Amino acid sequence: MARDCFFCKLVTNRALAPHWIAESAGALALLSPDPASQGHTVIVPKRHSSDLSTVPGSDWIAINQLTLRVVKLLRSTLGGRGEYLYCGSWVTRGRKFPHLHVHVVPRGRHLSRKSEVWWTPPPEGTASRAELVELARRIRARTRPVRPRRLGHRA
């Protein structure tokens, strides 16, 4: 954990992140407080990594597996048929969030086909803390435990 890292603080102190929607042993998914569309989620590894080229393979797998879960959760809760994925990875110092992260941005009505457009926050502004907490609660309520497959049997 990096002492001054915003995302590391959220991972270790859940009181700072009541807007989390899913987690695994190696990653945490949080609703973005500055969403490009409803359900915009940021997924971070629980161990600090700032750069995709240095992230341990197990952490990258954890991020990807949680990304797939988040996409299914968002689609089952909010609907929609698509999303944008964006990975934030930096090797330079002085970045606002120097912790590797992946954005899952559900395509909304206001999003065009140009990928740079979705990165601009919507005209209605940022989401309030109460809105994020309520939406996170709705999404978490959709989570169902996954039953393990028995070896030797096809699903």
Protein backbone atom coordinates (compact mmCIF):
# COMPACT_ATOMS: atom_id res chain seq x y z
CA MET A 1 0.00 0.00 0.00
CA ALA A 2 1.26 3.44 -0.90
CA ARG A 3 0.84 5.85 2.01
CA ASP A 4 -0.41 8.82 -0.03
CA CYS A 5 -2.46 6.88 -2.59
CA PHE A 6 -6.16 7.77 -2.70
CA PHE A 7 -7.24 4.33 -3.95
CA CYS A 8 -5.10 2.50 -1.36
CA LYS A 9 -6.91 4.49 1.34
CA LEU A 10 -10.30 3.44 -0.06
CA VAL A 11 -9.24 -0.22 -0.19
CA THR A 12 -8.09 -0.25 3.45
CA ASN A 13 -10.83 1.97 4.93
CA ARG A 14 -14.25 0.94 3.66
CA ALA A 15 -15.88 3.82 5.57
CA LEU A 16 -14.34 6.09 2.93
CA ALA A 17 -15.93 4.00 0.16
CA PRO A 18 -19.62 3.32 0.89
CA HIS A 19 -20.14 3.46 -2.89
CA TRP A 20 -18.33 0.15 -3.52
CA ILE A 21 -20.34 -2.33 -5.59
CA ALA A 22 -18.25 -5.51 -5.79
CA GLU A 23 -14.97 -6.97 -4.66
CA SER A 24 -12.81 -10.03 -4.88
CA ALA A 25 -9.72 -11.13 -2.99
CA GLY A 26 -7.55 -9.00 -5.28
CA ALA A 27 -9.69 -6.10 -6.53
CA LEU A 28 -12.36 -3.58 -5.52
CA ALA A 29 -15.05 -1.91 -7.69
CA LEU A 30 -16.39 1.54 -6.77
CA LEU A 31 -18.90 3.84 -8.44
CA SER A 32 -17.22 6.96 -9.81
CA PRO A 33 -18.15 10.18 -7.97
CA ASP A 34 -17.72 12.01 -11.29
CA PRO A 35 -19.60 9.65 -13.62
CA ALA A 36 -19.70 9.88 -17.38
CA SER A 37 -22.94 7.86 -17.21
CA GLN A 38 -25.02 6.16 -14.53
CA GLY A 39 -23.13 3.15 -13.17
CA HIS A 40 -19.66 4.42 -14.19
CA THR A 41 -17.40 2.17 -12.11
CA VAL A 42 -13.69 2.21 -11.27
CA ILE A 43 -11.96 -1.10 -10.54
CA VAL A 44 -8.64 -1.11 -8.67
CA PRO A 45 -6.26 -3.83 -7.52
CA LYS A 46 -6.11 -4.10 -3.72
CA ARG A 47 -2.32 -4.07 -3.82
CA HIS A 48 -0.76 -0.83 -5.02
CA SER A 49 0.41 -0.78 -8.62
CA SER A 50 0.76 2.39 -10.60
CA ASP A 51 1.65 0.95 -13.97
CA LEU A 52 0.29 -1.79 -16.19
CA SER A 53 3.81 -2.88 -17.13
CA THR A 54 4.67 -3.70 -13.51
CA VAL A 55 1.37 -5.04 -12.13
CA PRO A 56 1.66 -8.65 -10.91
CA GLY A 57 -0.17 -11.04 -13.22
CA SER A 58 -2.43 -12.24 -10.41
CA ASP A 59 -3.59 -8.65 -9.75
CA TRP A 60 -4.28 -8.06 -13.46
CA ILE A 61 -6.32 -11.28 -13.57
CA ALA A 62 -8.24 -10.15 -10.46
CA ILE A 63 -9.04 -6.79 -12.10
CA ASN A 64 -10.24 -8.47 -15.29
CA GLN A 65 -12.37 -11.05 -13.50
CA LEU A 66 -13.99 -8.34 -11.39
CA THR A 67 -14.53 -6.22 -14.52
CA LEU A 68 -16.55 -9.05 -16.06
CA ARG A 69 -18.63 -9.37 -12.87
CA VAL A 70 -19.23 -5.61 -12.79
CA VAL A 71 -20.39 -5.54 -16.41
CA LYS A 72 -22.93 -8.30 -15.65
CA LEU A 73 -24.07 -6.52 -12.47
CA LEU A 74 -24.51 -3.19 -14.24
CA ARG A 75 -26.39 -4.72 -17.15
CA SER A 76 -28.73 -6.68 -14.86
CA THR A 77 -29.36 -3.62 -12.66
CA LEU A 78 -29.35 -0.73 -15.11
CA GLY A 79 -29.92 -2.42 -18.45
CA GLY A 80 -27.92 -1.37 -21.46
CA ARG A 81 -26.13 -3.24 -24.19
CA GLY A 82 -22.63 -1.90 -24.09
CA GLU A 83 -19.91 -0.15 -22.19
CA TYR A 84 -16.58 1.54 -22.68
CA LEU A 85 -13.49 0.24 -20.86
CA TYR A 86 -10.56 2.50 -20.08
CA CYS A 87 -7.37 1.61 -18.20
CA GLY A 88 -5.51 4.27 -16.25
CA SER A 89 -1.78 3.43 -16.02
CA TRP A 90 1.05 5.89 -15.39
CA VAL A 91 4.76 5.78 -14.89
CA THR A 92 5.17 9.50 -14.20
CA ARG A 93 4.93 11.12 -10.78
CA GLY A 94 2.47 13.84 -9.90
CA ARG A 95 -0.64 12.16 -11.31
CA LYS A 96 -3.92 12.66 -9.42
CA PHE A 97 -4.55 8.89 -9.12
CA PRO A 98 -1.23 7.04 -9.50
CA HIS A 99 -2.90 3.66 -8.85
CA LEU A 100 -3.67 1.36 -11.76
CA HIS A 101 -7.41 1.33 -12.42
CA VAL A 102 -9.99 0.32 -15.00
CA HIS A 103 -13.13 2.33 -15.79
CA VAL A 104 -16.32 0.58 -16.85
CA VAL A 105 -18.59 3.21 -18.40
CA PRO A 106 -22.06 2.05 -19.45
CA ARG A 107 -23.10 3.55 -22.77
CA GLY A 108 -25.91 5.99 -22.16
CA ARG A 109 -28.18 8.05 -24.38
CA HIS A 110 -25.85 11.06 -24.27
CA LEU A 111 -22.76 9.08 -25.21
CA SER A 112 -21.71 9.23 -28.84
CA ARG A 113 -19.63 6.72 -30.75
CA LYS A 114 -16.55 8.89 -30.33
CA SER A 115 -14.66 7.48 -27.34
CA GLU A 116 -13.38 10.87 -26.19
CA VAL A 117 -16.94 12.12 -25.64
CA TRP A 118 -17.78 9.67 -22.85
CA TRP A 119 -14.87 10.91 -20.77
CA THR A 120 -16.51 14.32 -20.33
CA PRO A 121 -18.82 14.33 -17.28
CA PRO A 122 -22.48 14.72 -18.21
CA PRO A 123 -24.08 18.17 -18.15
CA GLU A 124 -26.05 17.34 -15.00
CA GLY A 125 -22.78 17.28 -13.04
CA THR A 126 -21.32 14.92 -10.51
CA ALA A 127 -23.25 12.43 -8.42
CA SER A 128 -23.88 13.21 -4.77
CA ARG A 129 -22.56 10.87 -2.08
CA ALA A 130 -26.13 9.86 -1.21
CA GLU A 131 -26.89 9.03 -4.87
CA LEU A 132 -23.73 6.90 -5.11
CA VAL A 133 -24.45 5.04 -1.86
CA GLU A 134 -28.04 4.28 -2.93
CA LEU A 135 -27.03 3.12 -6.42
CA ALA A 136 -24.24 0.97 -4.93
CA ARG A 137 -26.77 -0.60 -2.54
CA ARG A 138 -29.09 -1.44 -5.49
CA ILE A 139 -26.26 -2.96 -7.50
CA ARG A 140 -24.88 -4.99 -4.57
CA ALA A 141 -28.38 -6.36 -3.94
CA ARG A 142 -28.24 -7.96 -7.41
CA THR A 143 -25.11 -9.94 -6.52
CA ARG A 144 -25.72 -13.65 -6.34
CA PRO A 145 -23.18 -16.13 -5.04
CA VAL A 146 -21.61 -18.21 -7.77
CA ARG A 147 -22.03 -21.93 -7.31
CA PRO A 148 -18.79 -23.84 -7.89
CA ARG A 149 -18.84 -26.28 -10.77
CA ARG A 150 -18.25 -29.92 -9.93
CA LEU A 151 -15.32 -31.48 -11.70
CA GLY A 152 -16.18 -33.91 -14.45
CA HIS A 153 -19.62 -32.40 -15.12
CA ARG A 154 -20.56 -30.04 -17.90
CA ALA A 155 -22.64 -26.96 -17.18
